[in-house]
Amino acid sequence: MVDRARKSVGEVVAELERLGLLLLSDKKWPSVVALVSGSPVSGSWWGAPRGEEIYAVSNHLTDHPDVLTVKLISSKITYAQRRLWPAIYAIGTARAAWQMEKLSQTAQKLLGKLDKDGELQTDWLVAVGGYESRALVAASKELQRRLLCCSGEVHTDKGKHATRMKTWLHWADEVGFVPSGMDPRQAMHELEEIVERINTKYYANGKLPWQ
């Protein structure tokens, strides 16, 4: 399985370099699940015949130095190739109206604390108090869907899942990314063109957060 996973990793990385964006899983949009399995998987991919391989490949992408994992397309886990980082960063840090309007009170509170601390994790916040678990998860999802943070799922020492959130500035410092000063409107246009091209080619319906 290890050799096969290595082959799949190479194929998936090559496809990501070609397209710029991949989803973890989707019925039509190009995805890791479809590339590894040979076709889209209905329902959860965890029980698929090559589920362990899919998991290994997704972990490799998450750790890859040229890949950013973000909730970009249709609020799903999206892998973005390095050449698109300037556009995503410009949009994520813009604090545009579509990002800030009608944020829940908990999401506003969470964003303020994130701006102050640079990095937060949902289980840490529940442990120290001041946040109700269910409301915190919903607020975290609000920030992710609006690209107001960079985030990822982590396994806690208690065997559970938690969400780790970072400001875009904190993420950039960690990975050594130097922002280009790209105009957010230009960045949105660049991503819209890519999404439209992929949607047309694959008869898909991927949506960007502001669409």
N, C-alpha and C. Protein backbone atom coordinates (compact mmCIF):
# COMPACT_ATOMS: atom_id res chain seq x y z
N MET A 1 0.83 -1.20 0.00
CA MET A 1 0.00 0.00 0.00
C MET A 1 0.87 1.25 0.00
N VAL A 2 2.05 1.17 0.64
CA VAL A 2 2.93 2.32 0.71
C VAL A 2 3.38 2.77 -0.67
N ASP A 3 3.81 1.81 -1.52
CA ASP A 3 4.25 2.14 -2.87
C ASP A 3 3.12 2.75 -3.68
N ARG A 4 1.94 2.17 -3.54
CA ARG A 4 0.78 2.68 -4.28
C ARG A 4 0.43 4.10 -3.82
N ALA A 5 0.54 4.34 -2.50
CA ALA A 5 0.25 5.67 -1.96
C ALA A 5 1.25 6.68 -2.49
N ARG A 6 2.51 6.28 -2.60
CA ARG A 6 3.52 7.19 -3.14
C ARG A 6 3.21 7.56 -4.58
N LYS A 7 2.76 6.58 -5.34
CA LYS A 7 2.39 6.85 -6.73
C LYS A 7 1.20 7.80 -6.77
N SER A 8 0.22 7.56 -5.91
CA SER A 8 -0.96 8.43 -5.88
C SER A 8 -0.60 9.84 -5.49
N VAL A 9 0.31 9.99 -4.53
CA VAL A 9 0.74 11.32 -4.11
C VAL A 9 1.33 12.08 -5.29
N GLY A 10 2.19 11.42 -6.05
CA GLY A 10 2.80 12.07 -7.20
C GLY A 10 1.77 12.49 -8.23
N GLU A 11 0.80 11.64 -8.47
CA GLU A 11 -0.25 11.96 -9.46
C GLU A 11 -1.13 13.12 -8.99
N VAL A 12 -1.47 13.10 -7.69
CA VAL A 12 -2.33 14.15 -7.15
C VAL A 12 -1.61 15.49 -7.14
N VAL A 13 -0.35 15.50 -6.73
CA VAL A 13 0.42 16.74 -6.72
C VAL A 13 0.56 17.30 -8.13
N ALA A 14 0.78 16.43 -9.10
CA ALA A 14 0.90 16.86 -10.49
C ALA A 14 -0.41 17.48 -10.98
N GLU A 15 -1.53 16.87 -10.61
CA GLU A 15 -2.83 17.40 -11.01
C GLU A 15 -3.11 18.75 -10.34
N LEU A 16 -2.71 18.87 -9.09
CA LEU A 16 -2.88 20.13 -8.38
C LEU A 16 -2.04 21.23 -9.03
N GLU A 17 -0.83 20.90 -9.42
CA GLU A 17 0.02 21.87 -10.10
C GLU A 17 -0.60 22.30 -11.43
N ARG A 18 -1.27 21.37 -12.08
CA ARG A 18 -1.89 21.68 -13.38
C ARG A 18 -3.12 22.57 -13.22
N LEU A 19 -3.99 22.24 -12.26
CA LEU A 19 -5.26 22.94 -12.11
C LEU A 19 -5.18 24.14 -11.16
N GLY A 20 -4.32 24.05 -10.17
CA GLY A 20 -4.23 25.11 -9.18
C GLY A 20 -5.05 24.85 -7.94
N LEU A 21 -6.20 24.16 -8.09
CA LEU A 21 -7.11 23.87 -6.99
C LEU A 21 -7.64 22.44 -7.09
N LEU A 22 -7.74 21.76 -5.96
CA LEU A 22 -8.38 20.46 -5.88
C LEU A 22 -9.23 20.42 -4.62
N LEU A 23 -10.35 19.72 -4.68
CA LEU A 23 -11.12 19.45 -3.48
C LEU A 23 -10.68 18.13 -2.88
N LEU A 24 -10.96 17.95 -1.60
CA LEU A 24 -10.72 16.63 -1.00
C LEU A 24 -11.69 15.63 -1.60
N SER A 25 -12.97 16.01 -1.65
CA SER A 25 -13.98 15.10 -2.18
C SER A 25 -15.12 15.89 -2.82
N ASP A 26 -15.60 15.42 -3.95
CA ASP A 26 -16.73 16.04 -4.63
C ASP A 26 -17.21 15.10 -5.73
N LYS A 27 -18.47 15.22 -6.09
CA LYS A 27 -19.01 14.34 -7.13
C LYS A 27 -18.52 14.72 -8.52
N LYS A 28 -18.24 16.00 -8.75
CA LYS A 28 -17.85 16.44 -10.09
C LYS A 28 -16.52 17.17 -10.13
N TRP A 29 -16.29 18.05 -9.17
CA TRP A 29 -15.06 18.84 -9.16
C TRP A 29 -13.86 17.90 -8.97
N PRO A 30 -12.74 18.15 -9.63
CA PRO A 30 -11.55 17.31 -9.45
C PRO A 30 -11.16 17.22 -7.97
N SER A 31 -10.96 15.99 -7.51
CA SER A 31 -10.74 15.80 -6.08
C SER A 31 -9.70 14.71 -5.81
N VAL A 32 -9.16 14.76 -4.61
CA VAL A 32 -8.22 13.74 -4.18
C VAL A 32 -8.88 12.37 -4.16
N VAL A 33 -10.10 12.32 -3.65
CA VAL A 33 -10.81 11.04 -3.57
C VAL A 33 -10.98 10.42 -4.95
N ALA A 34 -11.41 11.20 -5.92
CA ALA A 34 -11.63 10.68 -7.26
C ALA A 34 -10.31 10.27 -7.92
N LEU A 35 -9.26 11.05 -7.70
CA LEU A 35 -7.97 10.74 -8.32
C LEU A 35 -7.39 9.45 -7.76
N VAL A 36 -7.50 9.25 -6.46
CA VAL A 36 -6.95 8.04 -5.84
C VAL A 36 -7.82 6.83 -6.13
N SER A 37 -9.15 7.01 -6.06
CA SER A 37 -10.07 5.88 -6.25
C SER A 37 -10.32 5.56 -7.71
N GLY A 38 -10.09 6.51 -8.59
CA GLY A 38 -10.39 6.31 -10.01
C GLY A 38 -11.73 6.86 -10.40
N SER A 39 -12.57 7.23 -9.42
CA SER A 39 -13.89 7.80 -9.67
C SER A 39 -14.40 8.40 -8.37
N PRO A 40 -15.38 9.32 -8.44
CA PRO A 40 -15.94 9.88 -7.21
C PRO A 40 -16.54 8.78 -6.34
N VAL A 41 -16.58 9.03 -5.04
CA VAL A 41 -17.13 8.07 -4.08
C VAL A 41 -18.40 8.65 -3.49
N SER A 42 -19.48 7.91 -3.53
CA SER A 42 -20.74 8.37 -2.95
C SER A 42 -20.67 8.22 -1.43
N GLY A 43 -21.12 9.27 -0.73
CA GLY A 43 -21.10 9.21 0.72
C GLY A 43 -19.69 9.36 1.26
N SER A 44 -19.48 8.86 2.46
CA SER A 44 -18.18 8.98 3.11
C SER A 44 -17.14 8.12 2.41
N TRP A 45 -15.94 8.70 2.20
CA TRP A 45 -14.87 7.97 1.54
C TRP A 45 -14.08 7.12 2.53
N TRP A 46 -14.34 7.28 3.82
CA TRP A 46 -13.58 6.54 4.82
C TRP A 46 -13.71 5.03 4.65
N GLY A 47 -14.89 4.59 4.24
CA GLY A 47 -15.11 3.15 4.09
C GLY A 47 -14.83 2.64 2.69
N ALA A 48 -14.32 3.50 1.81
CA ALA A 48 -14.02 3.09 0.43
C ALA A 48 -12.85 2.12 0.42
N PRO A 49 -12.76 1.29 -0.62
CA PRO A 49 -11.67 0.31 -0.70
C PRO A 49 -10.28 0.92 -0.56
N ARG A 50 -10.09 2.15 -1.01
CA ARG A 50 -8.79 2.80 -0.92
C ARG A 50 -8.81 3.97 0.06
N GLY A 51 -9.67 3.83 1.08
CA GLY A 51 -9.83 4.88 2.07
C GLY A 51 -8.54 5.23 2.81
N GLU A 52 -7.77 4.21 3.19
CA GLU A 52 -6.51 4.46 3.90
C GLU A 52 -5.52 5.22 3.01
N GLU A 53 -5.54 4.89 1.74
CA GLU A 53 -4.65 5.56 0.80
C GLU A 53 -5.08 7.02 0.61
N ILE A 54 -6.38 7.25 0.52
CA ILE A 54 -6.90 8.61 0.41
C ILE A 54 -6.46 9.43 1.62
N TYR A 55 -6.57 8.83 2.79
CA TYR A 55 -6.18 9.51 4.02
C TYR A 55 -4.69 9.86 4.00
N ALA A 56 -3.87 8.92 3.55
CA ALA A 56 -2.42 9.15 3.49
C ALA A 56 -2.08 10.27 2.51
N VAL A 57 -2.74 10.28 1.36
CA VAL A 57 -2.48 11.31 0.36
C VAL A 57 -2.94 12.68 0.86
N SER A 58 -4.10 12.73 1.51
CA SER A 58 -4.61 14.01 2.02
C SER A 58 -3.68 14.56 3.09
N ASN A 59 -3.14 13.70 3.93
CA ASN A 59 -2.19 14.16 4.95
C ASN A 59 -0.91 14.69 4.30
N HIS A 60 -0.48 14.02 3.23
CA HIS A 60 0.72 14.49 2.53
C HIS A 60 0.49 15.89 1.96
N LEU A 61 -0.68 16.12 1.38
CA LEU A 61 -0.98 17.45 0.83
C LEU A 61 -1.03 18.51 1.92
N THR A 62 -1.62 18.16 3.06
CA THR A 62 -1.71 19.11 4.17
C THR A 62 -0.32 19.56 4.62
N ASP A 63 0.64 18.64 4.56
CA ASP A 63 2.00 18.94 5.02
C ASP A 63 2.92 19.42 3.90
N HIS A 64 2.42 19.45 2.67
CA HIS A 64 3.28 19.79 1.52
C HIS A 64 3.64 21.28 1.56
N PRO A 65 4.91 21.62 1.33
CA PRO A 65 5.33 23.03 1.42
C PRO A 65 4.74 23.93 0.35
N ASP A 66 4.20 23.36 -0.72
CA ASP A 66 3.63 24.18 -1.79
C ASP A 66 2.11 24.12 -1.84
N VAL A 67 1.50 23.63 -0.76
CA VAL A 67 0.05 23.45 -0.75
C VAL A 67 -0.55 24.14 0.49
N LEU A 68 -1.62 24.89 0.25
CA LEU A 68 -2.40 25.51 1.31
C LEU A 68 -3.75 24.80 1.38
N THR A 69 -4.15 24.41 2.58
CA THR A 69 -5.46 23.80 2.79
C THR A 69 -6.40 24.86 3.35
N VAL A 70 -7.54 25.06 2.66
CA VAL A 70 -8.44 26.14 3.04
C VAL A 70 -9.85 25.80 2.59
N LYS A 71 -10.86 26.34 3.28
CA LYS A 71 -12.26 26.13 2.90
C LYS A 71 -12.60 27.16 1.82
N LEU A 72 -12.27 26.87 0.60
CA LEU A 72 -12.38 27.86 -0.48
C LEU A 72 -13.52 27.57 -1.45
N ILE A 73 -13.63 26.33 -1.93
CA ILE A 73 -14.63 25.98 -2.94
C ILE A 73 -15.83 25.32 -2.26
N SER A 74 -16.99 25.96 -2.39
CA SER A 74 -18.23 25.40 -1.87
C SER A 74 -18.13 25.01 -0.40
N SER A 75 -17.35 25.78 0.37
CA SER A 75 -17.15 25.55 1.81
C SER A 75 -16.54 24.19 2.12
N LYS A 76 -15.88 23.59 1.14
CA LYS A 76 -15.27 22.28 1.32
C LYS A 76 -13.75 22.41 1.45
N ILE A 77 -13.13 21.36 1.98
CA ILE A 77 -11.68 21.34 2.08
C ILE A 77 -11.08 21.43 0.69
N THR A 78 -10.28 22.47 0.49
CA THR A 78 -9.69 22.76 -0.82
C THR A 78 -8.18 22.84 -0.68
N TYR A 79 -7.48 22.26 -1.64
CA TYR A 79 -6.02 22.35 -1.68
C TYR A 79 -5.65 23.35 -2.76
N ALA A 80 -4.86 24.37 -2.38
CA ALA A 80 -4.48 25.43 -3.30
C ALA A 80 -2.97 25.40 -3.53
N GLN A 81 -2.58 25.42 -4.80
CA GLN A 81 -1.16 25.40 -5.15
C GLN A 81 -0.53 26.76 -4.84
N ARG A 82 0.74 26.77 -4.57
CA ARG A 82 1.45 27.95 -4.10
C ARG A 82 1.23 29.18 -4.99
N ARG A 83 1.10 29.00 -6.29
CA ARG A 83 0.97 30.18 -7.16
C ARG A 83 -0.31 30.97 -6.89
N LEU A 84 -1.27 30.34 -6.20
CA LEU A 84 -2.52 31.03 -5.89
C LEU A 84 -2.51 31.64 -4.49
N TRP A 85 -1.45 31.45 -3.74
CA TRP A 85 -1.40 31.98 -2.39
C TRP A 85 -1.52 33.51 -2.35
N PRO A 86 -0.87 34.25 -3.25
CA PRO A 86 -1.04 35.71 -3.19
C PRO A 86 -2.49 36.16 -3.30
N ALA A 87 -3.24 35.51 -4.18
CA ALA A 87 -4.65 35.86 -4.35
C ALA A 87 -5.46 35.50 -3.11
N ILE A 88 -5.26 34.32 -2.57
CA ILE A 88 -6.02 33.90 -1.40
C ILE A 88 -5.69 34.77 -0.19
N TYR A 89 -4.43 35.10 -0.03
CA TYR A 89 -4.02 35.95 1.09
C TYR A 89 -4.65 37.34 0.96
N ALA A 90 -4.63 37.89 -0.25
CA ALA A 90 -5.19 39.23 -0.47
C ALA A 90 -6.67 39.25 -0.13
N ILE A 91 -7.38 38.20 -0.50
CA ILE A 91 -8.82 38.13 -0.22
C ILE A 91 -9.06 37.90 1.27
N GLY A 92 -8.29 36.98 1.85
CA GLY A 92 -8.48 36.64 3.26
C GLY A 92 -8.24 37.80 4.20
N THR A 93 -7.33 38.71 3.85
CA THR A 93 -6.99 39.83 4.72
C THR A 93 -7.74 41.11 4.38
N ALA A 94 -8.62 41.06 3.39
CA ALA A 94 -9.29 42.28 2.91
C ALA A 94 -10.33 42.81 3.89
N ARG A 95 -10.94 41.93 4.68
CA ARG A 95 -12.04 42.31 5.58
C ARG A 95 -13.12 43.06 4.80
N ALA A 96 -13.51 42.48 3.66
CA ALA A 96 -14.53 43.08 2.79
C ALA A 96 -15.92 42.92 3.42
N ALA A 97 -16.89 43.61 2.83
CA ALA A 97 -18.25 43.59 3.37
C ALA A 97 -18.81 42.18 3.44
N TRP A 98 -18.59 41.37 2.39
CA TRP A 98 -19.14 40.01 2.38
C TRP A 98 -18.53 39.14 3.48
N GLN A 99 -17.35 39.54 3.97
CA GLN A 99 -16.72 38.79 5.05
C GLN A 99 -17.23 39.21 6.43
N MET A 100 -17.50 40.50 6.59
CA MET A 100 -17.76 41.04 7.92
C MET A 100 -19.24 41.21 8.26
N GLU A 101 -20.08 41.40 7.25
CA GLU A 101 -21.49 41.66 7.53
C GLU A 101 -22.19 40.42 8.07
N LYS A 102 -23.05 40.64 9.07
CA LYS A 102 -23.91 39.61 9.65
C LYS A 102 -23.13 38.46 10.30
N LEU A 103 -21.92 38.75 10.76
CA LEU A 103 -21.22 37.77 11.57
C LEU A 103 -21.95 37.63 12.90
N SER A 104 -22.09 36.42 13.40
CA SER A 104 -22.71 36.22 14.70
C SER A 104 -21.86 36.86 15.79
N GLN A 105 -22.45 37.12 16.93
CA GLN A 105 -21.71 37.73 18.04
C GLN A 105 -20.55 36.84 18.48
N THR A 106 -20.78 35.53 18.49
CA THR A 106 -19.71 34.62 18.89
C THR A 106 -18.58 34.65 17.87
N ALA A 107 -18.91 34.73 16.58
CA ALA A 107 -17.88 34.79 15.54
C ALA A 107 -17.09 36.10 15.65
N GLN A 108 -17.78 37.21 15.95
CA GLN A 108 -17.08 38.48 16.13
C GLN A 108 -16.12 38.41 17.31
N LYS A 109 -16.58 37.83 18.40
CA LYS A 109 -15.74 37.67 19.59
C LYS A 109 -14.54 36.79 19.29
N LEU A 110 -14.80 35.70 18.56
CA LEU A 110 -13.73 34.77 18.22
C LEU A 110 -12.70 35.42 17.30
N LEU A 111 -13.17 36.20 16.33
CA LEU A 111 -12.26 36.88 15.42
C LEU A 111 -11.40 37.90 16.16
N GLY A 112 -11.99 38.62 17.09
CA GLY A 112 -11.23 39.58 17.88
C GLY A 112 -10.14 38.92 18.69
N LYS A 113 -10.45 37.79 19.29
CA LYS A 113 -9.44 37.06 20.07
C LYS A 113 -8.37 36.47 19.16
N LEU A 114 -8.78 35.99 17.99
CA LEU A 114 -7.82 35.45 17.04
C LEU A 114 -6.86 36.53 16.56
N ASP A 115 -7.40 37.71 16.27
CA ASP A 115 -6.54 38.82 15.85
C ASP A 115 -5.51 39.16 16.93
N LYS A 116 -5.92 39.04 18.17
CA LYS A 116 -5.03 39.36 19.29
C LYS A 116 -3.97 38.28 19.50
N ASP A 117 -4.38 37.00 19.43
CA ASP A 117 -3.48 35.89 19.78
C ASP A 117 -2.73 35.31 18.59
N GLY A 118 -3.27 35.46 17.39
CA GLY A 118 -2.62 34.93 16.20
C GLY A 118 -2.98 33.50 15.89
N GLU A 119 -3.23 32.69 16.91
CA GLU A 119 -3.57 31.27 16.72
C GLU A 119 -4.45 30.81 17.87
N LEU A 120 -5.49 30.05 17.55
CA LEU A 120 -6.41 29.52 18.55
C LEU A 120 -6.78 28.09 18.16
N GLN A 121 -7.25 27.35 19.14
CA GLN A 121 -7.74 26.00 18.89
C GLN A 121 -9.03 25.82 19.67
N THR A 122 -10.05 25.24 19.05
CA THR A 122 -11.37 25.20 19.65
C THR A 122 -11.39 24.51 21.01
N ASP A 123 -10.65 23.41 21.16
CA ASP A 123 -10.67 22.71 22.46
C ASP A 123 -9.99 23.53 23.55
N TRP A 124 -8.99 24.35 23.18
CA TRP A 124 -8.36 25.22 24.17
C TRP A 124 -9.37 26.23 24.70
N LEU A 125 -10.15 26.80 23.78
CA LEU A 125 -11.10 27.84 24.16
C LEU A 125 -12.20 27.29 25.07
N VAL A 126 -12.67 26.08 24.77
CA VAL A 126 -13.69 25.46 25.61
C VAL A 126 -13.11 25.17 27.00
N ALA A 127 -11.85 24.73 27.04
CA ALA A 127 -11.22 24.36 28.30
C ALA A 127 -11.06 25.56 29.24
N VAL A 128 -10.70 26.72 28.68
CA VAL A 128 -10.47 27.88 29.54
C VAL A 128 -11.78 28.59 29.90
N GLY A 129 -12.86 28.24 29.20
CA GLY A 129 -14.16 28.82 29.53
C GLY A 129 -14.48 30.06 28.71
N GLY A 130 -15.74 30.45 28.75
CA GLY A 130 -16.18 31.64 28.02
C GLY A 130 -16.79 31.33 26.68
N TYR A 131 -16.71 30.06 26.23
CA TYR A 131 -17.27 29.65 24.96
C TYR A 131 -18.04 28.34 25.13
N GLU A 132 -19.25 28.31 24.60
CA GLU A 132 -20.03 27.07 24.58
C GLU A 132 -19.62 26.28 23.35
N SER A 133 -19.39 25.00 23.50
CA SER A 133 -18.77 24.18 22.46
C SER A 133 -19.49 24.27 21.13
N ARG A 134 -20.80 24.09 21.12
CA ARG A 134 -21.55 24.07 19.86
C ARG A 134 -21.51 25.42 19.17
N ALA A 135 -21.68 26.49 19.94
CA ALA A 135 -21.65 27.84 19.37
C ALA A 135 -20.25 28.16 18.85
N LEU A 136 -19.24 27.67 19.54
CA LEU A 136 -17.86 27.91 19.12
C LEU A 136 -17.57 27.23 17.78
N VAL A 137 -18.02 25.99 17.62
CA VAL A 137 -17.83 25.28 16.36
C VAL A 137 -18.52 26.02 15.22
N ALA A 138 -19.74 26.49 15.47
CA ALA A 138 -20.48 27.23 14.43
C ALA A 138 -19.77 28.53 14.08
N ALA A 139 -19.24 29.23 15.08
CA ALA A 139 -18.53 30.49 14.84
C ALA A 139 -17.24 30.25 14.06
N SER A 140 -16.55 29.17 14.40
CA SER A 140 -15.33 28.82 13.67
C SER A 140 -15.64 28.56 12.20
N LYS A 141 -16.73 27.88 11.93
CA LYS A 141 -17.12 27.61 10.56
C LYS A 141 -17.46 28.91 9.81
N GLU A 142 -18.07 29.86 10.52
CA GLU A 142 -18.35 31.16 9.90
C GLU A 142 -17.06 31.82 9.43
N LEU A 143 -16.05 31.84 10.28
CA LEU A 143 -14.78 32.48 9.94
C LEU A 143 -14.11 31.75 8.78
N GLN A 144 -14.18 30.43 8.79
CA GLN A 144 -13.56 29.65 7.71
C GLN A 144 -14.25 29.91 6.38
N ARG A 145 -15.58 29.90 6.38
CA ARG A 145 -16.33 30.09 5.13
C ARG A 145 -16.10 31.47 4.54
N ARG A 146 -15.79 32.45 5.37
CA ARG A 146 -15.58 33.82 4.89
C ARG A 146 -14.09 34.12 4.68
N LEU A 147 -13.26 33.10 4.78
CA LEU A 147 -11.81 33.24 4.60
C LEU A 147 -11.20 34.23 5.58
N LEU A 148 -11.79 34.36 6.76
CA LEU A 148 -11.27 35.27 7.77
C LEU A 148 -10.16 34.64 8.60
N CYS A 149 -9.89 33.37 8.36
CA CYS A 149 -8.79 32.71 9.04
C CYS A 149 -8.30 31.56 8.18
N CYS A 150 -7.11 31.12 8.51
CA CYS A 150 -6.56 29.90 7.94
C CYS A 150 -6.75 28.82 8.99
N SER A 151 -7.23 27.65 8.62
CA SER A 151 -7.58 26.66 9.63
C SER A 151 -7.29 25.24 9.16
N GLY A 152 -7.30 24.34 10.12
CA GLY A 152 -7.12 22.93 9.82
C GLY A 152 -7.60 22.08 10.98
N GLU A 153 -7.93 20.84 10.70
CA GLU A 153 -8.36 19.91 11.74
C GLU A 153 -7.15 19.24 12.37
N VAL A 154 -7.18 19.09 13.69
CA VAL A 154 -6.10 18.43 14.42
C VAL A 154 -6.68 17.38 15.34
N HIS A 155 -5.86 16.37 15.66
CA HIS A 155 -6.23 15.35 16.64
C HIS A 155 -5.70 15.80 18.00
N THR A 156 -6.57 15.82 19.00
CA THR A 156 -6.15 16.22 20.34
C THR A 156 -5.58 15.02 21.08
N ASP A 157 -4.94 15.29 22.21
CA ASP A 157 -4.37 14.20 23.01
C ASP A 157 -5.46 13.38 23.69
N LYS A 158 -6.71 13.82 23.57
CA LYS A 158 -7.83 13.05 24.11
C LYS A 158 -8.51 12.21 23.04
N GLY A 159 -7.88 12.17 21.86
CA GLY A 159 -8.41 11.33 20.78
C GLY A 159 -9.58 11.94 20.05
N LYS A 160 -9.78 13.24 20.20
CA LYS A 160 -10.89 13.91 19.53
C LYS A 160 -10.35 14.86 18.47
N HIS A 161 -11.28 15.44 17.69
CA HIS A 161 -10.90 16.41 16.67
C HIS A 161 -11.15 17.82 17.18
N ALA A 162 -10.29 18.73 16.76
CA ALA A 162 -10.47 20.15 17.08
C ALA A 162 -10.04 20.96 15.86
N THR A 163 -10.46 22.20 15.83
CA THR A 163 -10.08 23.09 14.74
C THR A 163 -9.03 24.08 15.24
N ARG A 164 -7.93 24.15 14.52
CA ARG A 164 -6.89 25.13 14.84
C ARG A 164 -6.99 26.27 13.83
N MET A 165 -7.15 27.47 14.33
CA MET A 165 -7.31 28.66 13.48
C MET A 165 -6.10 29.57 13.61
N LYS A 166 -5.71 30.19 12.52
CA LYS A 166 -4.60 31.14 12.52
C LYS A 166 -5.00 32.36 11.71
N THR A 167 -4.49 33.50 12.11
CA THR A 167 -4.65 34.67 11.25
C THR A 167 -3.79 34.44 10.00
N TRP A 168 -4.13 35.14 8.95
CA TRP A 168 -3.36 34.99 7.71
C TRP A 168 -1.92 35.48 7.91
N LEU A 169 -1.76 36.51 8.74
CA LEU A 169 -0.42 37.01 9.01
C LEU A 169 0.41 35.96 9.75
N HIS A 170 -0.21 35.31 10.74
CA HIS A 170 0.48 34.26 11.50
C HIS A 170 0.86 33.11 10.58
N TRP A 171 -0.06 32.71 9.72
CA TRP A 171 0.24 31.64 8.76
C TRP A 171 1.38 32.03 7.84
N ALA A 172 1.36 33.25 7.32
CA ALA A 172 2.41 33.70 6.41
C ALA A 172 3.78 33.68 7.09
N ASP A 173 3.83 34.09 8.35
CA ASP A 173 5.09 34.06 9.09
C ASP A 173 5.59 32.62 9.26
N GLU A 174 4.67 31.72 9.52
CA GLU A 174 5.04 30.32 9.74
C GLU A 174 5.63 29.67 8.50
N VAL A 175 5.01 29.92 7.35
CA VAL A 175 5.43 29.24 6.12
C VAL A 175 6.43 30.05 5.31
N GLY A 176 6.74 31.26 5.77
CA GLY A 176 7.69 32.10 5.06
C GLY A 176 7.14 32.72 3.79
N PHE A 177 5.82 32.95 3.78
CA PHE A 177 5.18 33.56 2.61
C PHE A 177 5.25 35.08 2.73
N VAL A 178 5.70 35.72 1.67
CA VAL A 178 5.78 37.19 1.65
C VAL A 178 4.64 37.73 0.78
N PRO A 179 3.67 38.42 1.38
CA PRO A 179 2.54 38.96 0.61
C PRO A 179 3.00 39.88 -0.51
N SER A 180 2.29 39.81 -1.63
CA SER A 180 2.68 40.59 -2.80
C SER A 180 1.99 41.94 -2.86
N GLY A 181 1.02 42.19 -1.98
CA GLY A 181 0.26 43.43 -2.04
C GLY A 181 -0.77 43.42 -3.15
N MET A 182 -1.18 42.24 -3.57
CA MET A 182 -2.16 42.09 -4.65
C MET A 182 -3.49 42.74 -4.27
N ASP A 183 -4.11 43.41 -5.22
CA ASP A 183 -5.41 44.02 -5.00
C ASP A 183 -6.47 42.93 -4.83
N PRO A 184 -7.30 42.99 -3.77
CA PRO A 184 -8.30 41.95 -3.54
C PRO A 184 -9.26 41.75 -4.72
N ARG A 185 -9.61 42.81 -5.41
CA ARG A 185 -10.52 42.67 -6.56
C ARG A 185 -9.84 41.90 -7.69
N GLN A 186 -8.58 42.17 -7.92
CA GLN A 186 -7.83 41.41 -8.91
C GLN A 186 -7.72 39.96 -8.49
N ALA A 187 -7.50 39.73 -7.19
CA ALA A 187 -7.38 38.37 -6.67
C ALA A 187 -8.68 37.60 -6.86
N MET A 188 -9.80 38.23 -6.57
CA MET A 188 -11.10 37.57 -6.74
C MET A 188 -11.32 37.22 -8.20
N HIS A 189 -10.97 38.14 -9.08
CA HIS A 189 -11.14 37.89 -10.52
C HIS A 189 -10.28 36.71 -10.96
N GLU A 190 -9.07 36.62 -10.46
CA GLU A 190 -8.18 35.52 -10.83
C GLU A 190 -8.78 34.17 -10.42
N LEU A 191 -9.29 34.10 -9.20
CA LEU A 191 -9.87 32.84 -8.72
C LEU A 191 -11.18 32.52 -9.45
N GLU A 192 -11.97 33.56 -9.73
CA GLU A 192 -13.22 33.35 -10.45
C GLU A 192 -12.97 32.74 -11.83
N GLU A 193 -11.94 33.20 -12.52
CA GLU A 193 -11.61 32.65 -13.84
C GLU A 193 -11.22 31.18 -13.74
N ILE A 194 -10.43 30.83 -12.73
CA ILE A 194 -10.00 29.44 -12.56
C ILE A 194 -11.20 28.55 -12.26
N VAL A 195 -12.06 29.01 -11.34
CA VAL A 195 -13.23 28.21 -10.96
C VAL A 195 -14.17 28.04 -12.14
N GLU A 196 -14.39 29.10 -12.90
CA GLU A 196 -15.26 29.01 -14.07
C GLU A 196 -14.71 28.02 -15.09
N ARG A 197 -13.39 28.06 -15.30
CA ARG A 197 -12.77 27.15 -16.25
C ARG A 197 -12.92 25.69 -15.80
N ILE A 198 -12.70 25.41 -14.53
CA ILE A 198 -12.82 24.04 -14.03
C ILE A 198 -14.28 23.60 -14.03
N ASN A 199 -15.19 24.49 -13.62
CA ASN A 199 -16.62 24.15 -13.66
C ASN A 199 -17.06 23.77 -15.07
N THR A 200 -16.62 24.55 -16.05
CA THR A 200 -17.01 24.29 -17.44
C THR A 200 -16.45 22.96 -17.94
N LYS A 201 -15.20 22.71 -17.65
CA LYS A 201 -14.55 21.49 -18.14
C LYS A 201 -15.13 20.24 -17.52
N TYR A 202 -15.47 20.31 -16.24
CA TYR A 202 -15.90 19.10 -15.52
C TYR A 202 -17.40 19.09 -15.22
N TYR A 203 -18.14 20.01 -15.82
CA TYR A 203 -19.59 20.10 -15.60
C TYR A 203 -19.90 20.17 -14.10
N ALA A 204 -19.12 20.96 -13.40
CA ALA A 204 -19.24 21.09 -11.95
C ALA A 204 -19.92 22.40 -11.58
N ASN A 205 -20.11 22.61 -10.29
CA ASN A 205 -20.78 23.83 -9.83
C ASN A 205 -20.08 24.38 -8.59
N GLY A 206 -18.77 24.41 -8.62
CA GLY A 206 -18.03 24.93 -7.48
C GLY A 206 -18.28 26.42 -7.30
N LYS A 207 -18.41 26.86 -6.05
CA LYS A 207 -18.68 28.26 -5.74
C LYS A 207 -17.60 28.81 -4.83
N LEU A 208 -17.21 30.03 -5.07
CA LEU A 208 -16.30 30.75 -4.18
C LEU A 208 -17.12 31.41 -3.07
N PRO A 209 -16.49 31.72 -1.93
CA PRO A 209 -17.27 32.21 -0.77
C PRO A 209 -18.12 33.43 -1.04
N TRP A 210 -17.69 34.31 -1.92
CA TRP A 210 -18.44 35.55 -2.16
C TRP A 210 -19.46 35.41 -3.29
N GLN A 211 -19.52 34.27 -3.94
CA GLN A 211 -20.44 34.08 -5.06
C GLN A 211 -21.82 33.63 -4.57
